[in-house]
Each structure stands twice: as C-alpha cells, then as structure tokens.
C-alpha cells in the first residue's frame, strides 16, 4: 500500500472530527445536518457552540452553489485531514488565536469547487470568524485529487475500515462530474 493509503488509514483511525449533532453520521454531500442550539457545556467549561480556541464550531447550513458552475462541499467530503490537507490545507480555521484543537472540536470548513474563472466567488462566499471558512478549488484540481485518492484506495476492503471513506469520495466525485460541467 502506498504512503497515501497508510496516511488515510491512520487519518481515519485517529480522526478527531465528530459527526454533526443529531445527524447520526457525516452530513450528506450538498446538504447540511441540523444545527443544534448552543448551550453551555459544563464538561468543557465553555459555550458548546465554540471550539477550544474560541472559534465557532458551526456556521449553519451550506450555502447554495451556482448550478453548473459552483458546488459547495464540506471539508470531510474530501476525506480526513490526512488525505484532504494537500488540497485544502489544515482543517482548522485560518482565523482565531491558534490552529490548535481538542478532540471534541469541530471545524465547519466549506469547500467551494468551481469551473471557469474564480471571479467574484470570494465576495459571494466570504470568510471570517463570524462568516465561515471557505476554501476555493478549481474543479480540475478537486477531481484530480479525488481520482488519485480513489485509485490509491482501490484495494481497500471492508475489513480495512475504509468502505465509508471510499463511498464518500465516490459520492464527491459523482457530484463533481454531474454538478459541474
């Protein structure tokens, strides 16, 4: 197995990303899981709507894309951080006191995949501590990344614990191919 395969296995096994509250698992591609109302979290001594570094854990539903031109994904649609970071950067937000996290922290990073010129996309999907964290990726780069990951994971079986990751990457690929032309 290649280095990427080993990194993915390690990333899946030690991933700190928790499923969205009330979703029973990761949010499906192109939709947002229900957002639970924030309440103080006595076990952590802080507001449950915030990560350990003070940043917001959730920015609400994914915004709509532009049919045929833009699709907005979640970071985890490209795999765990060990797999997605070469394309998207670290999972933590670029704003905030530090890029540090505790095991129960969750970073709501959105990935704007587009065709054609980037143009006004950064104005349409602005990033900031109260706005969200948007990463911009051309369709060709996103598709190449997903295809390489799927090729590397070709031999993964159910006993490897990677079937969910492979299914998610296939769903991401399908949306990239069908949603963007």
N, C-alpha and C. Protein backbone atom coordinates (compact mmCIF):
# COMPACT_ATOMS: atom_id res chain seq x y z
N UNK A 1 0.85 -1.18 0.00
CA UNK A 1 0.00 0.00 0.00
C UNK A 1 0.90 1.23 0.00
N UNK A 2 0.49 2.26 -0.71
CA UNK A 2 1.29 3.47 -0.83
C UNK A 2 1.25 4.31 0.45
N UNK A 3 2.08 5.36 0.47
CA UNK A 3 2.09 6.27 1.62
C UNK A 3 0.74 6.94 1.82
N UNK A 4 0.09 7.31 0.69
CA UNK A 4 -1.23 7.94 0.80
C UNK A 4 -2.21 7.00 1.47
N UNK A 5 -2.19 5.73 1.10
CA UNK A 5 -3.09 4.75 1.70
C UNK A 5 -2.85 4.62 3.19
N UNK A 6 -1.60 4.57 3.58
CA UNK A 6 -1.26 4.48 5.01
C UNK A 6 -1.71 5.75 5.73
N UNK A 7 -1.48 6.92 5.12
CA UNK A 7 -1.91 8.18 5.74
C UNK A 7 -3.42 8.23 5.91
N UNK A 8 -4.13 7.72 4.93
CA UNK A 8 -5.60 7.71 5.02
C UNK A 8 -6.05 6.79 6.13
N UNK A 9 -5.45 5.60 6.21
CA UNK A 9 -5.83 4.66 7.27
C UNK A 9 -5.57 5.28 8.63
N UNK A 10 -4.40 5.86 8.80
CA UNK A 10 -4.07 6.50 10.08
C UNK A 10 -5.04 7.65 10.34
N UNK A 11 -5.33 8.45 9.32
CA UNK A 11 -6.25 9.57 9.48
C UNK A 11 -7.65 9.13 9.87
N UNK A 12 -8.11 8.04 9.27
CA UNK A 12 -9.44 7.53 9.59
C UNK A 12 -9.46 6.98 11.01
N UNK A 13 -8.42 6.28 11.39
CA UNK A 13 -8.40 5.66 12.70
C UNK A 13 -8.25 6.66 13.84
N UNK A 14 -7.55 7.76 13.60
CA UNK A 14 -7.33 8.72 14.68
C UNK A 14 -8.05 10.04 14.44
N UNK A 15 -8.94 10.08 13.49
CA UNK A 15 -9.66 11.31 13.18
C UNK A 15 -10.38 11.84 14.41
N UNK A 16 -10.24 13.14 14.63
CA UNK A 16 -10.91 13.78 15.77
C UNK A 16 -12.22 14.42 15.35
N UNK A 17 -12.55 14.38 14.07
CA UNK A 17 -13.76 15.04 13.60
C UNK A 17 -14.97 14.25 14.02
N UNK A 18 -15.85 14.89 14.77
CA UNK A 18 -17.08 14.25 15.23
C UNK A 18 -18.17 14.46 14.20
N UNK A 19 -19.13 13.52 14.11
CA UNK A 19 -20.27 13.76 13.24
C UNK A 19 -21.06 14.97 13.73
N UNK A 20 -21.80 15.59 12.84
CA UNK A 20 -22.63 16.73 13.20
C UNK A 20 -23.68 16.28 14.21
N UNK A 21 -24.03 17.12 15.20
CA UNK A 21 -25.00 16.74 16.21
C UNK A 21 -26.34 16.35 15.58
N UNK A 22 -26.88 15.24 16.05
CA UNK A 22 -28.18 14.80 15.61
C UNK A 22 -28.22 14.19 14.23
N UNK A 23 -27.07 14.06 13.58
CA UNK A 23 -27.08 13.57 12.21
C UNK A 23 -26.90 12.07 12.12
N UNK A 24 -26.36 11.45 13.16
CA UNK A 24 -26.10 10.02 13.10
C UNK A 24 -24.91 9.70 12.21
N UNK A 25 -24.20 10.68 11.74
CA UNK A 25 -23.04 10.46 10.89
C UNK A 25 -22.69 11.75 10.16
N UNK A 26 -21.76 11.65 9.22
CA UNK A 26 -21.36 12.85 8.49
C UNK A 26 -22.53 13.41 7.69
N UNK A 27 -22.51 14.71 7.46
CA UNK A 27 -23.57 15.34 6.67
C UNK A 27 -23.47 14.85 5.23
N UNK A 28 -24.61 14.57 4.59
CA UNK A 28 -24.56 14.16 3.19
C UNK A 28 -24.05 15.30 2.33
N UNK A 29 -23.45 14.96 1.22
CA UNK A 29 -22.91 15.96 0.31
C UNK A 29 -24.03 16.87 -0.17
N UNK A 30 -23.76 18.15 -0.16
CA UNK A 30 -24.71 19.12 -0.68
C UNK A 30 -25.83 19.48 0.27
N UNK A 31 -25.81 18.96 1.49
CA UNK A 31 -26.85 19.33 2.44
C UNK A 31 -26.21 19.49 3.81
N UNK A 32 -26.89 20.20 4.64
CA UNK A 32 -26.36 20.44 5.98
C UNK A 32 -27.15 19.63 7.00
N UNK A 33 -26.46 19.15 7.99
CA UNK A 33 -27.12 18.45 9.08
C UNK A 33 -27.80 19.48 9.96
N UNK A 34 -28.81 19.07 10.73
CA UNK A 34 -29.47 20.02 11.62
C UNK A 34 -28.46 20.64 12.59
N UNK A 35 -28.64 21.90 12.87
CA UNK A 35 -27.74 22.60 13.77
C UNK A 35 -28.41 22.67 15.14
N UNK A 36 -27.75 22.10 16.13
CA UNK A 36 -28.29 22.11 17.49
C UNK A 36 -28.09 23.49 18.10
N UNK A 37 -29.06 23.94 18.89
CA UNK A 37 -28.93 25.22 19.58
C UNK A 37 -27.80 25.12 20.60
N UNK A 38 -26.96 26.12 20.62
CA UNK A 38 -25.80 26.12 21.50
C UNK A 38 -26.23 26.27 22.95
N UNK A 39 -25.57 25.54 23.80
CA UNK A 39 -25.81 25.64 25.24
C UNK A 39 -24.46 25.55 25.93
N UNK A 40 -24.36 26.10 27.11
CA UNK A 40 -23.08 25.97 27.81
C UNK A 40 -22.73 24.51 28.02
N UNK A 41 -21.49 24.19 27.87
CA UNK A 41 -21.01 22.83 28.03
C UNK A 41 -20.17 22.79 29.30
N UNK A 42 -20.79 22.36 30.38
CA UNK A 42 -20.13 22.37 31.68
C UNK A 42 -18.90 21.47 31.69
N UNK A 43 -18.92 20.39 30.91
CA UNK A 43 -17.78 19.47 30.92
C UNK A 43 -16.53 20.14 30.37
N UNK A 44 -16.71 21.14 29.51
CA UNK A 44 -15.57 21.84 28.95
C UNK A 44 -15.43 23.24 29.53
N UNK A 45 -16.42 23.67 30.30
CA UNK A 45 -16.36 24.99 30.91
C UNK A 45 -16.47 26.12 29.90
N UNK A 46 -17.11 25.85 28.75
CA UNK A 46 -17.27 26.89 27.75
C UNK A 46 -18.55 26.66 26.95
N UNK A 47 -18.90 27.62 26.16
CA UNK A 47 -20.07 27.57 25.29
C UNK A 47 -19.90 26.43 24.29
N UNK A 48 -20.89 25.55 24.18
CA UNK A 48 -20.80 24.40 23.28
C UNK A 48 -20.77 24.80 21.81
N UNK A 49 -21.08 26.05 21.50
CA UNK A 49 -21.05 26.50 20.11
C UNK A 49 -19.64 26.89 19.67
N UNK A 50 -18.68 26.82 20.60
CA UNK A 50 -17.31 27.25 20.30
C UNK A 50 -16.30 26.13 20.48
N UNK A 51 -15.24 26.18 19.69
CA UNK A 51 -14.13 25.25 19.83
C UNK A 51 -13.23 25.70 20.98
N UNK A 52 -12.26 24.88 21.31
CA UNK A 52 -11.37 25.19 22.43
C UNK A 52 -10.56 26.47 22.19
N UNK A 53 -10.35 26.85 20.93
CA UNK A 53 -9.60 28.08 20.65
C UNK A 53 -10.53 29.29 20.50
N UNK A 54 -11.83 29.12 20.80
CA UNK A 54 -12.78 30.22 20.78
C UNK A 54 -13.53 30.43 19.47
N UNK A 55 -13.16 29.70 18.42
CA UNK A 55 -13.84 29.86 17.14
C UNK A 55 -15.16 29.11 17.12
N UNK A 56 -16.08 29.56 16.27
CA UNK A 56 -17.38 28.89 16.14
C UNK A 56 -17.21 27.48 15.59
N UNK A 57 -18.03 26.57 16.09
CA UNK A 57 -17.99 25.18 15.63
C UNK A 57 -18.81 24.98 14.37
N UNK A 58 -19.83 25.79 14.16
CA UNK A 58 -20.75 25.57 13.05
C UNK A 58 -21.24 26.91 12.52
N UNK A 59 -21.31 27.03 11.22
CA UNK A 59 -21.77 28.26 10.58
C UNK A 59 -23.14 28.09 9.92
N UNK A 60 -23.88 27.05 10.31
CA UNK A 60 -25.22 26.85 9.76
C UNK A 60 -25.19 26.05 8.47
N UNK A 61 -26.31 26.05 7.76
CA UNK A 61 -26.42 25.25 6.54
C UNK A 61 -25.43 25.68 5.47
N UNK A 62 -25.07 24.74 4.61
CA UNK A 62 -24.22 25.08 3.47
C UNK A 62 -24.98 26.04 2.56
N UNK A 63 -24.29 27.04 2.03
CA UNK A 63 -24.95 27.92 1.08
C UNK A 63 -25.15 27.21 -0.25
N UNK A 64 -26.06 27.72 -1.03
CA UNK A 64 -26.30 27.13 -2.35
C UNK A 64 -25.16 27.49 -3.28
N UNK A 65 -24.90 26.59 -4.20
CA UNK A 65 -23.92 26.84 -5.24
C UNK A 65 -24.57 27.56 -6.40
N UNK A 66 -23.88 27.59 -7.51
CA UNK A 66 -24.40 28.16 -8.75
C UNK A 66 -24.50 26.99 -9.72
N UNK A 67 -25.71 26.57 -10.09
CA UNK A 67 -25.87 25.39 -10.94
C UNK A 67 -24.94 25.40 -12.16
N UNK A 68 -24.22 24.28 -12.31
CA UNK A 68 -23.30 24.13 -13.43
C UNK A 68 -21.96 24.82 -13.25
N UNK A 69 -21.83 25.71 -12.25
CA UNK A 69 -20.59 26.47 -12.08
C UNK A 69 -19.95 26.31 -10.71
N UNK A 70 -20.74 26.21 -9.64
CA UNK A 70 -20.20 26.13 -8.28
C UNK A 70 -20.98 25.10 -7.47
N UNK A 71 -20.23 24.26 -6.76
CA UNK A 71 -20.81 23.34 -5.77
C UNK A 71 -20.05 23.57 -4.47
N UNK A 72 -20.79 23.66 -3.37
CA UNK A 72 -20.17 23.86 -2.06
C UNK A 72 -20.22 22.55 -1.29
N UNK A 73 -19.04 22.08 -0.88
CA UNK A 73 -18.89 20.83 -0.14
C UNK A 73 -18.45 21.15 1.29
N UNK A 74 -18.41 20.13 2.12
CA UNK A 74 -17.79 20.21 3.44
C UNK A 74 -16.37 19.63 3.30
N UNK A 75 -15.48 20.06 4.16
CA UNK A 75 -14.09 19.60 4.14
C UNK A 75 -14.03 18.08 4.13
N UNK A 76 -14.83 17.44 5.00
CA UNK A 76 -14.76 15.98 5.14
C UNK A 76 -15.24 15.23 3.90
N UNK A 77 -15.87 15.92 2.95
CA UNK A 77 -16.25 15.26 1.69
C UNK A 77 -15.02 14.88 0.87
N UNK A 78 -13.86 15.43 1.22
CA UNK A 78 -12.60 15.11 0.56
C UNK A 78 -11.74 14.19 1.42
N UNK A 79 -12.33 13.61 2.46
CA UNK A 79 -11.63 12.67 3.33
C UNK A 79 -11.18 13.31 4.62
N UNK A 80 -10.52 12.52 5.46
CA UNK A 80 -9.98 13.06 6.72
C UNK A 80 -8.83 14.03 6.40
N UNK A 81 -8.44 14.80 7.38
CA UNK A 81 -7.40 15.81 7.18
C UNK A 81 -6.13 15.23 6.57
N UNK A 82 -5.77 14.01 6.96
CA UNK A 82 -4.55 13.40 6.43
C UNK A 82 -4.61 13.21 4.92
N UNK A 83 -5.79 13.09 4.37
CA UNK A 83 -5.97 12.93 2.93
C UNK A 83 -6.29 14.27 2.26
N UNK A 84 -7.10 15.10 2.90
CA UNK A 84 -7.58 16.34 2.28
C UNK A 84 -6.60 17.51 2.38
N UNK A 85 -5.72 17.51 3.37
CA UNK A 85 -4.84 18.66 3.61
C UNK A 85 -3.98 19.06 2.41
N UNK A 86 -3.43 18.13 1.62
CA UNK A 86 -2.64 18.59 0.47
C UNK A 86 -3.44 19.45 -0.52
N UNK A 87 -4.74 19.22 -0.60
CA UNK A 87 -5.59 20.00 -1.49
C UNK A 87 -6.17 21.24 -0.79
N UNK A 88 -6.58 21.08 0.47
CA UNK A 88 -7.37 22.11 1.15
C UNK A 88 -6.65 22.84 2.28
N UNK A 89 -5.51 22.36 2.70
CA UNK A 89 -4.84 22.93 3.86
C UNK A 89 -5.36 22.29 5.14
N UNK A 90 -4.88 22.77 6.27
CA UNK A 90 -5.28 22.22 7.57
C UNK A 90 -6.78 22.42 7.78
N UNK A 91 -7.38 21.50 8.54
CA UNK A 91 -8.82 21.57 8.76
C UNK A 91 -9.22 22.73 9.68
N UNK A 92 -8.33 23.18 10.54
CA UNK A 92 -8.69 24.28 11.45
C UNK A 92 -8.79 25.59 10.66
N UNK A 93 -9.47 26.56 11.24
CA UNK A 93 -9.68 27.84 10.58
C UNK A 93 -8.39 28.65 10.53
N UNK A 94 -8.22 29.47 9.50
CA UNK A 94 -7.04 30.34 9.45
C UNK A 94 -7.18 31.55 10.36
N UNK A 95 -8.38 31.78 10.89
CA UNK A 95 -8.60 32.87 11.83
C UNK A 95 -8.73 32.25 13.22
N UNK A 96 -8.57 33.02 14.24
CA UNK A 96 -8.60 32.50 15.60
C UNK A 96 -7.23 32.63 16.23
N UNK A 97 -7.18 32.40 17.52
CA UNK A 97 -5.94 32.58 18.27
C UNK A 97 -4.84 31.62 17.81
N UNK A 98 -5.22 30.40 17.47
CA UNK A 98 -4.23 29.42 17.03
C UNK A 98 -4.93 28.33 16.23
N UNK A 99 -4.14 27.55 15.55
CA UNK A 99 -4.67 26.40 14.81
C UNK A 99 -4.48 25.17 15.69
N UNK A 100 -5.05 25.25 16.87
CA UNK A 100 -4.94 24.16 17.83
C UNK A 100 -6.34 23.64 18.11
N UNK A 101 -6.43 22.41 18.57
CA UNK A 101 -7.76 21.87 18.81
C UNK A 101 -7.72 20.79 19.87
N UNK A 102 -8.89 20.55 20.42
CA UNK A 102 -9.12 19.47 21.37
C UNK A 102 -9.89 18.38 20.62
N UNK A 103 -9.91 17.16 21.14
CA UNK A 103 -10.59 16.06 20.43
C UNK A 103 -12.05 16.32 20.08
N UNK A 104 -12.76 17.11 20.88
CA UNK A 104 -14.18 17.34 20.58
C UNK A 104 -14.43 18.61 19.75
N UNK A 105 -13.38 19.28 19.30
CA UNK A 105 -13.54 20.45 18.44
C UNK A 105 -14.01 20.02 17.05
N UNK A 106 -14.72 20.92 16.40
CA UNK A 106 -15.24 20.65 15.06
C UNK A 106 -15.08 21.93 14.25
N UNK A 107 -14.50 21.81 13.08
CA UNK A 107 -14.29 22.97 12.22
C UNK A 107 -15.17 22.84 10.99
N UNK A 108 -16.06 23.80 10.81
CA UNK A 108 -17.05 23.78 9.73
C UNK A 108 -16.47 24.45 8.48
N UNK A 109 -15.52 23.76 7.86
CA UNK A 109 -14.86 24.29 6.67
C UNK A 109 -15.67 23.92 5.44
N UNK A 110 -15.93 24.91 4.60
CA UNK A 110 -16.67 24.69 3.37
C UNK A 110 -15.71 24.80 2.19
N UNK A 111 -15.92 23.98 1.19
CA UNK A 111 -15.04 23.94 0.02
C UNK A 111 -15.86 24.35 -1.20
N UNK A 112 -15.48 25.46 -1.80
CA UNK A 112 -16.16 25.98 -2.99
C UNK A 112 -15.40 25.46 -4.21
N UNK A 113 -16.02 24.52 -4.91
CA UNK A 113 -15.42 23.97 -6.13
C UNK A 113 -16.13 24.64 -7.30
N UNK A 114 -15.34 25.14 -8.25
CA UNK A 114 -15.90 25.94 -9.33
C UNK A 114 -15.29 25.59 -10.68
N UNK A 115 -16.02 25.94 -11.73
CA UNK A 115 -15.50 25.86 -13.10
C UNK A 115 -15.40 27.29 -13.62
N UNK A 116 -14.53 27.49 -14.57
CA UNK A 116 -14.36 28.83 -15.13
C UNK A 116 -13.54 29.70 -14.20
N UNK A 117 -13.53 31.01 -14.46
CA UNK A 117 -12.73 31.91 -13.63
C UNK A 117 -13.31 32.05 -12.22
N UNK A 118 -12.41 32.27 -11.27
CA UNK A 118 -12.84 32.43 -9.88
C UNK A 118 -13.69 33.69 -9.70
N UNK A 119 -13.33 34.74 -10.42
CA UNK A 119 -14.12 35.97 -10.44
C UNK A 119 -14.53 36.47 -9.07
N UNK A 120 -15.83 36.61 -8.87
CA UNK A 120 -16.37 37.20 -7.65
C UNK A 120 -16.71 36.18 -6.56
N UNK A 121 -16.21 34.97 -6.68
CA UNK A 121 -16.58 33.92 -5.72
C UNK A 121 -16.17 34.26 -4.29
N UNK A 122 -15.05 34.91 -4.11
CA UNK A 122 -14.62 35.26 -2.74
C UNK A 122 -15.54 36.31 -2.12
N UNK A 123 -16.20 37.10 -2.95
CA UNK A 123 -17.19 38.05 -2.43
C UNK A 123 -18.50 37.33 -2.13
N UNK A 124 -18.86 36.37 -2.96
CA UNK A 124 -20.10 35.60 -2.77
C UNK A 124 -20.01 34.70 -1.55
N UNK A 125 -18.82 34.14 -1.30
CA UNK A 125 -18.59 33.23 -0.17
C UNK A 125 -17.44 33.79 0.67
N UNK A 126 -17.69 34.86 1.44
CA UNK A 126 -16.62 35.48 2.23
C UNK A 126 -16.25 34.65 3.46
N UNK A 127 -14.99 34.71 3.83
CA UNK A 127 -14.51 34.01 5.02
C UNK A 127 -14.28 35.00 6.15
N UNK A 128 -14.46 34.53 7.37
CA UNK A 128 -14.20 35.35 8.54
C UNK A 128 -14.74 34.66 9.77
N UNK A 129 -14.34 35.10 10.96
CA UNK A 129 -14.72 34.44 12.21
C UNK A 129 -16.22 34.27 12.42
N UNK A 130 -17.04 35.17 11.87
CA UNK A 130 -18.49 35.03 12.02
C UNK A 130 -19.18 34.65 10.71
N UNK A 131 -18.42 34.56 9.63
CA UNK A 131 -18.99 34.28 8.31
C UNK A 131 -18.80 32.84 7.86
N UNK A 132 -17.69 32.25 8.24
CA UNK A 132 -17.37 30.89 7.81
C UNK A 132 -15.98 30.83 7.23
N UNK A 133 -15.56 29.61 6.94
CA UNK A 133 -14.24 29.37 6.35
C UNK A 133 -14.47 28.69 5.02
N UNK A 134 -14.21 29.42 3.95
CA UNK A 134 -14.39 28.89 2.60
C UNK A 134 -13.04 28.69 1.94
N UNK A 135 -12.83 27.52 1.36
CA UNK A 135 -11.63 27.21 0.60
C UNK A 135 -12.06 27.09 -0.87
N UNK A 136 -11.31 27.65 -1.77
CA UNK A 136 -11.67 27.70 -3.19
C UNK A 136 -10.77 26.77 -3.99
N UNK A 137 -11.39 25.87 -4.75
CA UNK A 137 -10.65 24.87 -5.50
C UNK A 137 -11.26 24.75 -6.90
N UNK A 138 -10.44 24.85 -7.95
CA UNK A 138 -10.97 24.61 -9.29
C UNK A 138 -11.41 23.15 -9.44
N UNK A 139 -12.42 22.92 -10.25
CA UNK A 139 -12.96 21.58 -10.47
C UNK A 139 -11.87 20.59 -10.88
N UNK A 140 -10.97 21.01 -11.77
CA UNK A 140 -9.93 20.09 -12.25
C UNK A 140 -9.04 19.61 -11.11
N UNK A 141 -8.67 20.50 -10.20
CA UNK A 141 -7.83 20.11 -9.06
C UNK A 141 -8.59 19.20 -8.11
N UNK A 142 -9.85 19.52 -7.84
CA UNK A 142 -10.67 18.69 -6.94
C UNK A 142 -10.86 17.30 -7.51
N UNK A 143 -11.17 17.22 -8.80
CA UNK A 143 -11.39 15.93 -9.45
C UNK A 143 -10.10 15.11 -9.49
N UNK A 144 -8.98 15.74 -9.79
CA UNK A 144 -7.70 15.03 -9.81
C UNK A 144 -7.37 14.47 -8.42
N UNK A 145 -7.64 15.26 -7.39
CA UNK A 145 -7.37 14.83 -6.02
C UNK A 145 -8.23 13.62 -5.65
N UNK A 146 -9.52 13.69 -5.93
CA UNK A 146 -10.44 12.60 -5.59
C UNK A 146 -10.09 11.35 -6.40
N UNK A 147 -9.80 11.51 -7.69
CA UNK A 147 -9.43 10.36 -8.53
C UNK A 147 -8.17 9.68 -8.01
N UNK A 148 -7.16 10.47 -7.63
CA UNK A 148 -5.92 9.89 -7.10
C UNK A 148 -6.18 9.14 -5.79
N UNK A 149 -7.01 9.70 -4.93
CA UNK A 149 -7.33 9.05 -3.66
C UNK A 149 -8.07 7.74 -3.90
N UNK A 150 -9.04 7.76 -4.81
CA UNK A 150 -9.80 6.53 -5.11
C UNK A 150 -8.90 5.47 -5.73
N UNK A 151 -7.99 5.89 -6.59
CA UNK A 151 -7.05 4.93 -7.20
C UNK A 151 -6.18 4.30 -6.12
N UNK A 152 -5.72 5.11 -5.20
CA UNK A 152 -4.87 4.62 -4.12
C UNK A 152 -5.62 3.68 -3.19
N UNK A 153 -6.91 3.89 -3.05
CA UNK A 153 -7.72 3.08 -2.14
C UNK A 153 -8.40 1.90 -2.85
N UNK A 154 -8.07 1.67 -4.13
CA UNK A 154 -8.70 0.62 -4.92
C UNK A 154 -8.79 -0.73 -4.22
N UNK A 155 -7.74 -1.15 -3.59
CA UNK A 155 -7.70 -2.47 -2.96
C UNK A 155 -8.29 -2.53 -1.57
N UNK A 156 -8.80 -1.42 -1.08
CA UNK A 156 -9.34 -1.40 0.29
C UNK A 156 -10.59 -2.26 0.37
N UNK A 157 -10.63 -3.09 1.37
CA UNK A 157 -11.79 -3.95 1.59
C UNK A 157 -12.54 -3.54 2.84
N UNK A 158 -13.65 -4.21 3.07
CA UNK A 158 -14.49 -3.90 4.23
C UNK A 158 -13.71 -4.07 5.53
N UNK A 159 -12.80 -5.03 5.56
CA UNK A 159 -12.04 -5.27 6.78
C UNK A 159 -10.99 -4.19 7.05
N UNK A 160 -10.73 -3.32 6.06
CA UNK A 160 -9.78 -2.22 6.26
C UNK A 160 -10.43 -1.03 6.96
N UNK A 161 -11.75 -1.03 7.07
CA UNK A 161 -12.46 0.07 7.70
C UNK A 161 -12.53 1.31 6.82
N UNK A 162 -12.30 1.16 5.52
CA UNK A 162 -12.27 2.31 4.63
C UNK A 162 -13.46 2.39 3.68
N UNK A 163 -14.43 1.49 3.82
CA UNK A 163 -15.56 1.48 2.89
C UNK A 163 -16.36 2.79 2.96
N UNK A 164 -16.51 3.35 4.15
CA UNK A 164 -17.22 4.62 4.28
C UNK A 164 -16.48 5.75 3.58
N UNK A 165 -15.16 5.78 3.72
CA UNK A 165 -14.35 6.80 3.07
C UNK A 165 -14.44 6.66 1.55
N UNK A 166 -14.32 5.44 1.06
CA UNK A 166 -14.40 5.21 -0.39
C UNK A 166 -15.77 5.64 -0.91
N UNK A 167 -16.83 5.30 -0.19
CA UNK A 167 -18.18 5.69 -0.60
C UNK A 167 -18.33 7.22 -0.62
N UNK A 168 -17.80 7.89 0.38
CA UNK A 168 -17.88 9.35 0.43
C UNK A 168 -17.12 9.97 -0.73
N UNK A 169 -15.92 9.47 -1.02
CA UNK A 169 -15.13 10.01 -2.13
C UNK A 169 -15.83 9.76 -3.47
N UNK A 170 -16.46 8.60 -3.62
CA UNK A 170 -17.21 8.32 -4.85
C UNK A 170 -18.39 9.28 -4.99
N UNK A 171 -19.07 9.54 -3.89
CA UNK A 171 -20.20 10.48 -3.93
C UNK A 171 -19.71 11.89 -4.27
N UNK A 172 -18.56 12.28 -3.71
CA UNK A 172 -17.98 13.58 -4.03
C UNK A 172 -17.64 13.66 -5.51
N UNK A 173 -17.03 12.59 -6.02
CA UNK A 173 -16.67 12.55 -7.44
C UNK A 173 -17.91 12.66 -8.32
N UNK A 174 -18.95 11.94 -7.97
CA UNK A 174 -20.20 11.98 -8.74
C UNK A 174 -20.75 13.40 -8.79
N UNK A 175 -20.75 14.08 -7.65
CA UNK A 175 -21.25 15.46 -7.61
C UNK A 175 -20.36 16.38 -8.43
N UNK A 176 -19.04 16.18 -8.38
CA UNK A 176 -18.12 16.99 -9.18
C UNK A 176 -18.39 16.83 -10.67
N UNK A 177 -18.60 15.58 -11.09
CA UNK A 177 -18.80 15.29 -12.52
C UNK A 177 -20.18 15.75 -12.99
N UNK A 178 -21.21 15.44 -12.20
CA UNK A 178 -22.58 15.76 -12.63
C UNK A 178 -22.99 17.20 -12.32
N UNK A 179 -22.44 17.77 -11.27
CA UNK A 179 -22.87 19.11 -10.86
C UNK A 179 -22.11 20.24 -11.51
N UNK A 180 -20.93 19.95 -12.03
CA UNK A 180 -20.10 20.98 -12.66
C UNK A 180 -19.72 20.53 -14.06
N UNK A 181 -19.93 21.36 -15.01
CA UNK A 181 -19.61 20.99 -16.40
C UNK A 181 -18.60 21.94 -16.98
